[in-house]
Structure formats: structure tokens, C-alpha cells
Amino acid sequence: TGNLQTPVFTIHPMEVILGDSTELCCTSEEIPPLTFIFYTYK
């Protein structure tokens, strides 16, 4: 029982040119296997 630790989220690179790609990264200290869920904000 208990609460899961909040994951750390980063974007690399954070400054990107329209038309290029960037990488979203989610990191957790919890024990795998884990399901990582990425969100965007409309």
C-alpha cells in the first residue's frame, strides 16, 4: 500500500524547429514492469 512516486518528465531538445522531431522522456524510480503514459494539453 502507498502512493507511487511522481515521475520526472523531460523534452530534448526543448527548442525545436517546426517540421523537425523531438523526444519526450518519462523516468520513474518505481519497480518495473511499469506503464508510462504521456499526455498533451489541448
All heavy atoms as atom14 arrays in JSON, in Angstrom:
{
  "sequence": "TGNLQTPVFTIHPMEVILGDSTELCCTSEEIPPLTFIFYTYK",
  "atom14_mask": [
    [1, 1, 1, 1, 1, 1, 1, 0, 0, 0, 0, 0, 0, 0],
    [1, 1, 1, 1, 0, 0, 0, 0, 0, 0, 0, 0, 0, 0],
    [1, 1, 1, 1, 1, 1, 1, 1, 0, 0, 0, 0, 0, 0],
    [1, 1, 1, 1, 1, 1, 1, 1, 0, 0, 0, 0, 0, 0],
    [1, 1, 1, 1, 1, 1, 1, 1, 1, 0, 0, 0, 0, 0],
    [1, 1, 1, 1, 1, 1, 1, 0, 0, 0, 0, 0, 0, 0],
    [1, 1, 1, 1, 1, 1, 1, 0, 0, 0, 0, 0, 0, 0],
    [1, 1, 1, 1, 1, 1, 1, 0, 0, 0, 0, 0, 0, 0],
    [1, 1, 1, 1, 1, 1, 1, 1, 1, 1, 1, 0, 0, 0],
    [1, 1, 1, 1, 1, 1, 1, 0, 0, 0, 0, 0, 0, 0],
    [1, 1, 1, 1, 1, 1, 1, 1, 0, 0, 0, 0, 0, 0],
    [1, 1, 1, 1, 1, 1, 1, 1, 1, 1, 0, 0, 0, 0],
    [1, 1, 1, 1, 1, 1, 1, 0, 0, 0, 0, 0, 0, 0],
    [1, 1, 1, 1, 1, 1, 1, 1, 0, 0, 0, 0, 0, 0],
    [1, 1, 1, 1, 1, 1, 1, 1, 1, 0, 0, 0, 0, 0],
    [1, 1, 1, 1, 1, 1, 1, 0, 0, 0, 0, 0, 0, 0],
    [1, 1, 1, 1, 1, 1, 1, 1, 0, 0, 0, 0, 0, 0],
    [1, 1, 1, 1, 1, 1, 1, 1, 0, 0, 0, 0, 0, 0],
    [1, 1, 1, 1, 0, 0, 0, 0, 0, 0, 0, 0, 0, 0],
    [1, 1, 1, 1, 1, 1, 1, 1, 0, 0, 0, 0, 0, 0],
    [1, 1, 1, 1, 1, 1, 0, 0, 0, 0, 0, 0, 0, 0],
    [1, 1, 1, 1, 1, 1, 1, 0, 0, 0, 0, 0, 0, 0],
    [1, 1, 1, 1, 1, 1, 1, 1, 1, 0, 0, 0, 0, 0],
    [1, 1, 1, 1, 1, 1, 1, 1, 0, 0, 0, 0, 0, 0],
    [1, 1, 1, 1, 1, 1, 0, 0, 0, 0, 0, 0, 0, 0],
    [1, 1, 1, 1, 1, 1, 0, 0, 0, 0, 0, 0, 0, 0],
    [1, 1, 1, 1, 1, 1, 1, 0, 0, 0, 0, 0, 0, 0],
    [1, 1, 1, 1, 1, 1, 0, 0, 0, 0, 0, 0, 0, 0],
    [1, 1, 1, 1, 1, 1, 1, 1, 1, 0, 0, 0, 0, 0],
    [1, 1, 1, 1, 1, 1, 1, 1, 1, 0, 0, 0, 0, 0],
    [1, 1, 1, 1, 1, 1, 1, 1, 0, 0, 0, 0, 0, 0],
    [1, 1, 1, 1, 1, 1, 1, 0, 0, 0, 0, 0, 0, 0],
    [1, 1, 1, 1, 1, 1, 1, 0, 0, 0, 0, 0, 0, 0],
    [1, 1, 1, 1, 1, 1, 1, 1, 0, 0, 0, 0, 0, 0],
    [1, 1, 1, 1, 1, 1, 1, 0, 0, 0, 0, 0, 0, 0],
    [1, 1, 1, 1, 1, 1, 1, 1, 1, 1, 1, 0, 0, 0],
    [1, 1, 1, 1, 1, 1, 1, 1, 0, 0, 0, 0, 0, 0],
    [1, 1, 1, 1, 1, 1, 1, 1, 1, 1, 1, 0, 0, 0],
    [1, 1, 1, 1, 1, 1, 1, 1, 1, 1, 1, 1, 0, 0],
    [1, 1, 1, 1, 1, 1, 1, 0, 0, 0, 0, 0, 0, 0],
    [1, 1, 1, 1, 1, 1, 1, 1, 1, 1, 1, 1, 0, 0],
    [1, 1, 1, 1, 1, 1, 1, 1, 1, 0, 0, 0, 0, 0]
  ],
  "atom14_positions": [
    [[0.84, -1.2, 0.0], [0.0, 0.0, 0.0], [0.87, 1.25, 0.0], [2.03, 1.23, 0.42], [-0.91, 0.01, 1.23], [-0.09, -0.01, 2.41], [-1.83, -1.21, 1.24], [0.0, 0.0, 0.0], [0.0, 0.0, 0.0], [0.0, 0.0, 0.0], [0.0, 0.0, 0.0], [0.0, 0.0, 0.0], [0.0, 0.0, 0.0], [0.0, 0.0, 0.0]],
    [[0.28, 2.36, -0.48], [1.01, 3.63, -0.51], [0.86, 4.32, -1.86], [0.11, 3.85, -2.74], [0.0, 0.0, 0.0], [0.0, 0.0, 0.0], [0.0, 0.0, 0.0], [0.0, 0.0, 0.0], [0.0, 0.0, 0.0], [0.0, 0.0, 0.0], [0.0, 0.0, 0.0], [0.0, 0.0, 0.0], [0.0, 0.0, 0.0], [0.0, 0.0, 0.0]],
    [[1.54, 5.44, -2.02], [1.45, 6.24, -3.24], [2.7, 6.07, -4.1], [3.82, 6.02, -3.59], [1.28, 7.73, -2.9], [-0.01, 7.99, -2.15], [-1.06, 7.4, -2.46], [0.05, 8.85, -1.13], [0.0, 0.0, 0.0], [0.0, 0.0, 0.0], [0.0, 0.0, 0.0], [0.0, 0.0, 0.0], [0.0, 0.0, 0.0], [0.0, 0.0, 0.0]],
    [[2.49, 6.0, -5.4], [3.61, 5.91, -6.34], [4.34, 7.25, -6.38], [3.72, 8.32, -6.28], [3.12, 5.55, -7.74], [2.5, 4.16, -7.91], [1.91, 4.02, -9.3], [3.54, 3.08, -7.67], [0.0, 0.0, 0.0], [0.0, 0.0, 0.0], [0.0, 0.0, 0.0], [0.0, 0.0, 0.0], [0.0, 0.0, 0.0], [0.0, 0.0, 0.0]],
    [[5.64, 7.2, -6.56], [6.42, 8.43, -6.7], [6.08, 9.11, -8.02], [5.82, 8.45, -9.03], [7.92, 8.13, -6.65], [8.41, 7.7, -5.28], [9.93, 7.59, -5.22], [10.62, 7.93, -6.17], [10.44, 7.11, -4.11], [0.0, 0.0, 0.0], [0.0, 0.0, 0.0], [0.0, 0.0, 0.0], [0.0, 0.0, 0.0], [0.0, 0.0, 0.0]],
    [[6.09, 10.43, -8.01], [5.82, 11.2, -9.22], [6.99, 11.07, -10.18], [8.15, 11.27, -9.79], [5.61, 12.69, -8.87], [4.54, 12.79, -7.93], [5.27, 13.5, -10.11], [0.0, 0.0, 0.0], [0.0, 0.0, 0.0], [0.0, 0.0, 0.0], [0.0, 0.0, 0.0], [0.0, 0.0, 0.0], [0.0, 0.0, 0.0], [0.0, 0.0, 0.0]],
    [[6.73, 10.73, -11.44], [7.84, 10.57, -12.4], [8.44, 11.91, -12.81], [7.86, 12.98, -12.56], [7.16, 9.89, -13.6], [5.73, 10.33, -13.52], [5.43, 10.45, -12.05], [0.0, 0.0, 0.0], [0.0, 0.0, 0.0], [0.0, 0.0, 0.0], [0.0, 0.0, 0.0], [0.0, 0.0, 0.0], [0.0, 0.0, 0.0], [0.0, 0.0, 0.0]],
    [[9.6, 11.84, -13.43], [10.29, 13.03, -13.94], [10.13, 13.05, -15.46], [10.42, 12.05, -16.14], [11.78, 13.02, -13.57], [12.5, 14.21, -14.2], [11.94, 13.03, -12.05], [0.0, 0.0, 0.0], [0.0, 0.0, 0.0], [0.0, 0.0, 0.0], [0.0, 0.0, 0.0], [0.0, 0.0, 0.0], [0.0, 0.0, 0.0], [0.0, 0.0, 0.0]],
    [[9.68, 14.18, -15.98], [9.42, 14.31, -17.42], [10.33, 15.37, -18.03], [10.5, 16.46, -17.47], [7.96, 14.7, -17.65], [7.6, 14.89, -19.1], [7.44, 13.79, -19.94], [7.44, 16.16, -19.63], [7.14, 13.96, -21.28], [7.12, 16.33, -20.96], [6.97, 15.23, -21.79], [0.0, 0.0, 0.0], [0.0, 0.0, 0.0], [0.0, 0.0, 0.0]],
    [[10.95, 15.03, -19.17], [11.82, 15.98, -19.87], [11.55, 15.93, -21.37], [11.0, 14.94, -21.88], [13.32, 15.67, -19.64], [13.58, 14.32, -20.06], [13.7, 15.84, -18.18], [0.0, 0.0, 0.0], [0.0, 0.0, 0.0], [0.0, 0.0, 0.0], [0.0, 0.0, 0.0], [0.0, 0.0, 0.0], [0.0, 0.0, 0.0], [0.0, 0.0, 0.0]],
    [[11.93, 17.0, -22.05], [11.86, 17.07, -23.52], [13.23, 17.45, -24.03], [13.84, 18.41, -23.55], [10.82, 18.12, -23.99], [9.42, 17.77, -23.46], [10.8, 18.21, -25.51], [8.36, 18.79, -23.83], [0.0, 0.0, 0.0], [0.0, 0.0, 0.0], [0.0, 0.0, 0.0], [0.0, 0.0, 0.0], [0.0, 0.0, 0.0], [0.0, 0.0, 0.0]],
    [[13.71, 16.69, -25.02], [15.03, 17.0, -25.59], [15.0, 16.82, -27.11], [14.69, 15.75, -27.6], [16.09, 16.1, -24.99], [17.47, 16.41, -25.49], [18.19, 17.5, -25.03], [18.25, 15.79, -26.4], [19.36, 17.53, -25.66], [19.42, 16.5, -26.48], [0.0, 0.0, 0.0], [0.0, 0.0, 0.0], [0.0, 0.0, 0.0], [0.0, 0.0, 0.0]],
    [[15.3, 17.92, -27.85], [15.53, 19.28, -27.35], [14.21, 19.98, -27.03], [13.17, 19.64, -27.59], [16.24, 19.95, -28.53], [15.7, 19.24, -29.74], [15.5, 17.81, -29.32], [0.0, 0.0, 0.0], [0.0, 0.0, 0.0], [0.0, 0.0, 0.0], [0.0, 0.0, 0.0], [0.0, 0.0, 0.0], [0.0, 0.0, 0.0], [0.0, 0.0, 0.0]],
    [[14.28, 20.96, -26.15], [13.08, 21.7, -25.78], [12.75, 22.75, -26.82], [11.59, 23.14, -26.96], [13.26, 22.37, -24.41], [13.26, 21.39, -23.25], [13.39, 22.22, -21.65], [11.92, 23.24, -21.65], [0.0, 0.0, 0.0], [0.0, 0.0, 0.0], [0.0, 0.0, 0.0], [0.0, 0.0, 0.0], [0.0, 0.0, 0.0], [0.0, 0.0, 0.0]],
    [[13.78, 23.24, -27.53], [13.55, 24.2, -28.62], [13.73, 23.45, -29.93], [14.79, 22.89, -30.21], [14.55, 25.36, -28.52], [14.37, 26.2, -27.27], [15.31, 27.39, -27.23], [16.13, 27.53, -28.16], [15.23, 28.18, -26.27], [0.0, 0.0, 0.0], [0.0, 0.0, 0.0], [0.0, 0.0, 0.0], [0.0, 0.0, 0.0], [0.0, 0.0, 0.0]],
    [[12.67, 23.42, -30.71], [12.67, 22.62, -31.94], [12.09, 23.44, -33.08], [11.22, 24.29, -32.89], [11.88, 21.32, -31.72], [10.43, 21.61, -31.41], [12.0, 20.4, -32.91], [0.0, 0.0, 0.0], [0.0, 0.0, 0.0], [0.0, 0.0, 0.0], [0.0, 0.0, 0.0], [0.0, 0.0, 0.0], [0.0, 0.0, 0.0], [0.0, 0.0, 0.0]],
    [[12.6, 23.16, -34.29], [12.12, 23.85, -35.48], [10.89, 23.12, -36.01], [10.85, 21.89, -36.03], [13.21, 23.89, -36.57], [14.47, 24.58, -36.02], [12.72, 24.59, -37.82], [15.67, 24.44, -36.92], [0.0, 0.0, 0.0], [0.0, 0.0, 0.0], [0.0, 0.0, 0.0], [0.0, 0.0, 0.0], [0.0, 0.0, 0.0], [0.0, 0.0, 0.0]],
    [[9.9, 23.87, -36.41], [8.7, 23.3, -36.99], [9.09, 22.38, -38.14], [9.83, 22.75, -39.03], [7.79, 24.42, -37.48], [6.36, 24.06, -37.85], [5.59, 23.62, -36.62], [5.66, 25.24, -38.51], [0.0, 0.0, 0.0], [0.0, 0.0, 0.0], [0.0, 0.0, 0.0], [0.0, 0.0, 0.0], [0.0, 0.0, 0.0], [0.0, 0.0, 0.0]],
    [[8.59, 21.13, -38.09], [8.94, 20.15, -39.11], [9.96, 19.14, -38.63], [10.09, 18.06, -39.23], [0.0, 0.0, 0.0], [0.0, 0.0, 0.0], [0.0, 0.0, 0.0], [0.0, 0.0, 0.0], [0.0, 0.0, 0.0], [0.0, 0.0, 0.0], [0.0, 0.0, 0.0], [0.0, 0.0, 0.0], [0.0, 0.0, 0.0], [0.0, 0.0, 0.0]],
    [[10.7, 19.44, -37.57], [11.68, 18.52, -37.0], [11.0, 17.65, -35.93], [9.82, 17.8, -35.63], [12.86, 19.27, -36.4], [13.85, 19.72, -37.47], [13.69, 19.3, -38.62], [14.76, 20.51, -37.14], [0.0, 0.0, 0.0], [0.0, 0.0, 0.0], [0.0, 0.0, 0.0], [0.0, 0.0, 0.0], [0.0, 0.0, 0.0], [0.0, 0.0, 0.0]],
    [[11.79, 16.76, -35.3], [11.27, 15.89, -34.24], [11.97, 16.19, -32.92], [13.09, 16.72, -32.91], [11.48, 14.41, -34.61], [10.73, 14.07, -35.74], [0.0, 0.0, 0.0], [0.0, 0.0, 0.0], [0.0, 0.0, 0.0], [0.0, 0.0, 0.0], [0.0, 0.0, 0.0], [0.0, 0.0, 0.0], [0.0, 0.0, 0.0], [0.0, 0.0, 0.0]],
    [[11.3, 15.84, -31.84], [11.89, 15.95, -30.51], [11.55, 14.69, -29.73], [10.73, 13.87, -30.18], [11.39, 17.21, -29.77], [12.15, 17.4, -28.59], [9.92, 17.1, -29.43], [0.0, 0.0, 0.0], [0.0, 0.0, 0.0], [0.0, 0.0, 0.0], [0.0, 0.0, 0.0], [0.0, 0.0, 0.0], [0.0, 0.0, 0.0], [0.0, 0.0, 0.0]],
    [[12.16, 14.51, -28.57], [11.98, 13.28, -27.79], [11.39, 13.59, -26.43], [11.94, 14.39, -25.67], [13.33, 12.57, -27.64], [13.24, 11.22, -26.95], [14.59, 10.51, -26.9], [15.42, 10.89, -26.04], [14.83, 9.62, -27.73], [0.0, 0.0, 0.0], [0.0, 0.0, 0.0], [0.0, 0.0, 0.0], [0.0, 0.0, 0.0], [0.0, 0.0, 0.0]],
    [[10.26, 12.96, -26.13], [9.66, 13.06, -24.81], [10.18, 11.91, -23.96], [10.24, 10.76, -24.42], [8.13, 12.97, -24.91], [7.44, 13.87, -25.94], [5.93, 13.69, -25.85], [7.83, 15.33, -25.75], [0.0, 0.0, 0.0], [0.0, 0.0, 0.0], [0.0, 0.0, 0.0], [0.0, 0.0, 0.0], [0.0, 0.0, 0.0], [0.0, 0.0, 0.0]],
    [[10.57, 12.2, -22.72], [11.19, 11.18, -21.86], [10.52, 11.18, -20.48], [10.38, 12.24, -19.85], [12.68, 11.45, -21.73], [13.56, 10.26, -20.67], [0.0, 0.0, 0.0], [0.0, 0.0, 0.0], [0.0, 0.0, 0.0], [0.0, 0.0, 0.0], [0.0, 0.0, 0.0], [0.0, 0.0, 0.0], [0.0, 0.0, 0.0], [0.0, 0.0, 0.0]],
    [[10.11, 10.0, -20.03], [9.49, 9.85, -18.71], [10.31, 8.84, -17.9], [10.56, 7.72, -18.36], [8.05, 9.36, -18.86], [7.1, 9.37, -17.31], [0.0, 0.0, 0.0], [0.0, 0.0, 0.0], [0.0, 0.0, 0.0], [0.0, 0.0, 0.0], [0.0, 0.0, 0.0], [0.0, 0.0, 0.0], [0.0, 0.0, 0.0], [0.0, 0.0, 0.0]],
    [[10.74, 9.25, -16.7], [11.6, 8.42, -15.87], [10.98, 8.24, -14.49], [10.46, 9.19, -13.9], [12.99, 9.06, -15.71], [13.58, 9.22, -17.01], [13.91, 8.21, -14.85], [0.0, 0.0, 0.0], [0.0, 0.0, 0.0], [0.0, 0.0, 0.0], [0.0, 0.0, 0.0], [0.0, 0.0, 0.0], [0.0, 0.0, 0.0], [0.0, 0.0, 0.0]],
    [[11.04, 7.0, -13.98], [10.47, 6.7, -12.67], [11.45, 5.88, -11.85], [12.23, 5.08, -12.38], [9.17, 5.92, -12.82], [8.69, 5.48, -11.57], [0.0, 0.0, 0.0], [0.0, 0.0, 0.0], [0.0, 0.0, 0.0], [0.0, 0.0, 0.0], [0.0, 0.0, 0.0], [0.0, 0.0, 0.0], [0.0, 0.0, 0.0], [0.0, 0.0, 0.0]],
    [[11.4, 6.06, -10.52], [12.21, 5.26, -9.61], [11.45, 4.05, -9.11], [11.96, 3.29, -8.28], [12.66, 6.13, -8.43], [13.66, 7.21, -8.81], [14.92, 6.63, -9.43], [15.42, 5.59, -8.94], [15.4, 7.19, -10.44], [0.0, 0.0, 0.0], [0.0, 0.0, 0.0], [0.0, 0.0, 0.0], [0.0, 0.0, 0.0], [0.0, 0.0, 0.0]],
    [[10.22, 3.86, -9.6], [9.44, 2.7, -9.18], [9.97, 1.43, -9.85], [10.82, 1.48, -10.73], [7.96, 2.92, -9.52], [7.31, 4.07, -8.77], [7.22, 3.82, -7.26], [7.45, 2.69, -6.82], [6.92, 4.78, -6.52], [0.0, 0.0, 0.0], [0.0, 0.0, 0.0], [0.0, 0.0, 0.0], [0.0, 0.0, 0.0], [0.0, 0.0, 0.0]],
    [[9.44, 0.28, -9.42], [9.95, -1.02, -9.85], [9.18, -1.51, -11.07], [7.95, -1.64, -11.02], [9.84, -2.05, -8.7], [10.46, -1.49, -7.41], [10.49, -3.36, -9.09], [11.92, -1.08, -7.56], [0.0, 0.0, 0.0], [0.0, 0.0, 0.0], [0.0, 0.0, 0.0], [0.0, 0.0, 0.0], [0.0, 0.0, 0.0], [0.0, 0.0, 0.0]],
    [[9.87, -1.8, -12.18], [9.19, -2.35, -13.38], [8.64, -3.74, -13.08], [9.06, -4.39, -12.1], [10.32, -2.4, -14.41], [11.38, -1.47, -13.89], [11.3, -1.56, -12.4], [0.0, 0.0, 0.0], [0.0, 0.0, 0.0], [0.0, 0.0, 0.0], [0.0, 0.0, 0.0], [0.0, 0.0, 0.0], [0.0, 0.0, 0.0], [0.0, 0.0, 0.0]],
    [[7.7, -4.21, -13.91], [7.2, -3.55, -15.13], [6.25, -2.41, -14.82], [5.47, -2.48, -13.87], [6.5, -4.68, -15.88], [6.08, -5.64, -14.8], [7.15, -5.58, -13.77], [0.0, 0.0, 0.0], [0.0, 0.0, 0.0], [0.0, 0.0, 0.0], [0.0, 0.0, 0.0], [0.0, 0.0, 0.0], [0.0, 0.0, 0.0], [0.0, 0.0, 0.0]],
    [[6.32, -1.36, -15.64], [5.51, -0.16, -15.46], [4.85, 0.22, -16.78], [5.36, -0.09, -17.86], [6.38, 1.01, -14.98], [7.15, 0.82, -13.67], [8.16, 1.95, -13.5], [6.21, 0.76, -12.48], [0.0, 0.0, 0.0], [0.0, 0.0, 0.0], [0.0, 0.0, 0.0], [0.0, 0.0, 0.0], [0.0, 0.0, 0.0], [0.0, 0.0, 0.0]],
    [[3.76, 0.93, -16.68], [3.12, 1.51, -17.86], [3.34, 3.02, -17.8], [2.94, 3.68, -16.84], [1.62, 1.19, -17.92], [1.45, -0.22, -18.01], [0.98, 1.85, -19.15], [0.0, 0.0, 0.0], [0.0, 0.0, 0.0], [0.0, 0.0, 0.0], [0.0, 0.0, 0.0], [0.0, 0.0, 0.0], [0.0, 0.0, 0.0], [0.0, 0.0, 0.0]],
    [[4.0, 3.56, -18.83], [4.27, 5.0, -18.93], [3.22, 5.63, -19.84], [3.0, 5.16, -20.96], [5.67, 5.24, -19.5], [6.79, 4.78, -18.6], [7.16, 3.44, -18.57], [7.47, 5.67, -17.79], [8.19, 3.01, -17.75], [8.49, 5.25, -16.96], [8.86, 3.91, -16.95], [0.0, 0.0, 0.0], [0.0, 0.0, 0.0], [0.0, 0.0, 0.0]],
    [[2.61, 6.7, -19.35], [1.55, 7.37, -20.12], [1.96, 8.83, -20.35], [2.22, 9.57, -19.4], [0.21, 7.32, -19.37], [-0.13, 5.86, -19.0], [-0.91, 7.91, -20.23], [-1.29, 5.72, -18.05], [0.0, 0.0, 0.0], [0.0, 0.0, 0.0], [0.0, 0.0, 0.0], [0.0, 0.0, 0.0], [0.0, 0.0, 0.0], [0.0, 0.0, 0.0]],
    [[2.03, 9.23, -21.63], [2.36, 10.6, -22.0], [1.08, 11.38, -22.28], [0.13, 10.84, -22.88], [3.26, 10.62, -23.24], [4.62, 10.02, -23.01], [4.83, 8.66, -23.19], [5.68, 10.82, -22.62], [6.08, 8.09, -22.98], [6.94, 10.26, -22.4], [7.13, 8.9, -22.59], [0.0, 0.0, 0.0], [0.0, 0.0, 0.0], [0.0, 0.0, 0.0]],
    [[1.09, 12.64, -21.87], [-0.1, 13.5, -22.03], [0.27, 14.78, -22.76], [1.39, 15.29, -22.63], [-0.7, 13.87, -20.67], [-1.26, 12.72, -19.88], [-0.43, 11.94, -19.07], [-2.61, 12.4, -19.94], [-0.95, 10.88, -18.34], [-3.13, 11.35, -19.2], [-2.29, 10.58, -18.41], [-2.79, 9.53, -17.69], [0.0, 0.0, 0.0], [0.0, 0.0, 0.0]],
    [[-0.71, 15.28, -23.51], [-0.62, 16.62, -24.07], [-1.81, 17.41, -23.54], [-2.77, 16.84, -23.02], [-0.62, 16.59, -25.6], [-0.45, 17.93, -26.1], [-1.92, 16.02, -26.15], [0.0, 0.0, 0.0], [0.0, 0.0, 0.0], [0.0, 0.0, 0.0], [0.0, 0.0, 0.0], [0.0, 0.0, 0.0], [0.0, 0.0, 0.0], [0.0, 0.0, 0.0]],
    [[-1.74, 18.72, -23.65], [-2.79, 19.59, -23.1], [-3.43, 20.38, -24.23], [-2.81, 21.29, -24.79], [-2.21, 20.53, -22.04], [-1.77, 19.8, -20.8], [-0.59, 19.05, -20.78], [-2.54, 19.83, -19.65], [-0.2, 18.36, -19.64], [-2.15, 19.14, -18.5], [-0.97, 18.41, -18.51], [-0.59, 17.72, -17.4], [0.0, 0.0, 0.0], [0.0, 0.0, 0.0]],
    [[-4.66, 20.02, -24.58], [-5.38, 20.71, -25.63], [-5.75, 22.11, -25.16], [-6.42, 22.28, -24.15], [-6.65, 19.93, -26.02], [-6.38, 18.57, -26.62], [-5.75, 18.68, -27.99], [-5.57, 17.29, -28.63], [-4.9, 17.37, -29.94], [0.0, 0.0, 0.0], [0.0, 0.0, 0.0], [0.0, 0.0, 0.0], [0.0, 0.0, 0.0], [0.0, 0.0, 0.0]]
  ]
}
